[in-house]
Amino acid sequence: MAWRRRSADWVRVEKFPEPAGRISNRAWWWLADILDWAEKTGRQPPDRT
């Protein structure tokens, strides 16, 4: 995942959350963790409700 790789390299960016687990050697995350990270880093799209 690009954001995970990029946040590891950038000093001022909040780190992308660690995977919640692995299935068949592929990382997976909880959606809530991704949305929290997106909100903290300004990547959360505007609420369209």
C-alpha atoms as a PDB file:
ATOM      1  CA  MET A   1       0.000   0.000   0.000  1.00  0.00           C
ATOM      2  CA  ALA A   2       1.430   3.329  -1.074  1.00  0.00           C
ATOM      3  CA  TRP A   3       0.358   5.362   1.975  1.00  0.00           C
ATOM      4  CA  ARG A   4       1.920   2.848   4.329  1.00  0.00           C
ATOM      5  CA  ARG A   5       5.227   3.041   2.451  1.00  0.00           C
ATOM      6  CA  ARG A   6       5.153   6.838   2.118  1.00  0.00           C
ATOM      7  CA  SER A   7       4.335   7.520   5.760  1.00  0.00           C
ATOM      8  CA  ALA A   8       7.343   5.411   6.800  1.00  0.00           C
ATOM      9  CA  ASP A   9       9.626   7.714   4.779  1.00  0.00           C
ATOM     10  CA  TRP A  10       8.158  11.119   5.645  1.00  0.00           C
ATOM     11  CA  VAL A  11       9.155  12.552   8.987  1.00  0.00           C
ATOM     12  CA  ARG A  12       6.236  14.948   9.509  1.00  0.00           C
ATOM     13  CA  VAL A  13       3.459  12.600   8.496  1.00  0.00           C
ATOM     14  CA  GLU A  14       1.629  10.509  11.047  1.00  0.00           C
ATOM     15  CA  LYS A  15       2.593   6.902  10.483  1.00  0.00           C
ATOM     16  CA  PHE A  16       0.120   4.679   8.707  1.00  0.00           C
ATOM     17  CA  PRO A  17      -1.470   2.217  11.156  1.00  0.00           C
ATOM     18  CA  GLU A  18       0.130  -1.164  11.590  1.00  0.00           C
ATOM     19  CA  PRO A  19      -1.861  -4.005  10.033  1.00  0.00           C
ATOM     20  CA  ALA A  20      -4.446  -5.604  12.296  1.00  0.00           C
ATOM     21  CA  GLY A  21      -3.383  -9.004  11.021  1.00  0.00           C
ATOM     22  CA  ARG A  22      -2.425 -11.127   8.061  1.00  0.00           C
ATOM     23  CA  ILE A  23      -4.417 -13.558   5.933  1.00  0.00           C
ATOM     24  CA  SER A  24      -2.530 -15.724   3.444  1.00  0.00           C
ATOM     25  CA  ASN A  25       0.506 -13.524   4.122  1.00  0.00           C
ATOM     26  CA  ARG A  26      -1.382 -10.355   3.112  1.00  0.00           C
ATOM     27  CA  ALA A  27      -1.822  -7.483   5.545  1.00  0.00           C
ATOM     28  CA  TRP A  28      -5.301  -6.248   6.486  1.00  0.00           C
ATOM     29  CA  TRP A  29      -6.541  -3.263   8.509  1.00  0.00           C
ATOM     30  CA  TRP A  30      -9.726  -2.297  10.313  1.00  0.00           C
ATOM     31  CA  LEU A  31     -11.573   0.402   8.383  1.00  0.00           C
ATOM     32  CA  ALA A  32     -11.911   2.510  11.551  1.00  0.00           C
ATOM     33  CA  ASP A  33      -8.104   2.594  11.922  1.00  0.00           C
ATOM     34  CA  ILE A  34      -7.698   3.807   8.332  1.00  0.00           C
ATOM     35  CA  LEU A  35     -10.411   6.448   8.717  1.00  0.00           C
ATOM     36  CA  ASP A  36      -8.854   7.720  11.967  1.00  0.00           C
ATOM     37  CA  TRP A  37      -5.467   7.999  10.253  1.00  0.00           C
ATOM     38  CA  ALA A  38      -7.020   9.758   7.242  1.00  0.00           C
ATOM     39  CA  GLU A  39      -8.741  12.284   9.495  1.00  0.00           C
ATOM     40  CA  LYS A  40      -5.571  13.011  11.488  1.00  0.00           C
ATOM     41  CA  THR A  41      -3.515  13.554   8.324  1.00  0.00           C
ATOM     42  CA  GLY A  42      -6.104  15.588   6.405  1.00  0.00           C
ATOM     43  CA  ARG A  43      -6.744  12.834   3.863  1.00  0.00           C
ATOM     44  CA  GLN A  44     -10.339  12.214   4.899  1.00  0.00           C
ATOM     45  CA  PRO A  45     -12.641  13.303   2.082  1.00  0.00           C
ATOM     46  CA  PRO A  46     -15.302  15.863   2.987  1.00  0.00           C
ATOM     47  CA  ASP A  47     -18.485  14.488   4.474  1.00  0.00           C
ATOM     48  CA  ARG A  48     -21.013  14.314   1.656  1.00  0.00           C
ATOM     49  CA  THR A  49     -24.127  13.546   3.680  1.00  0.00           C
END
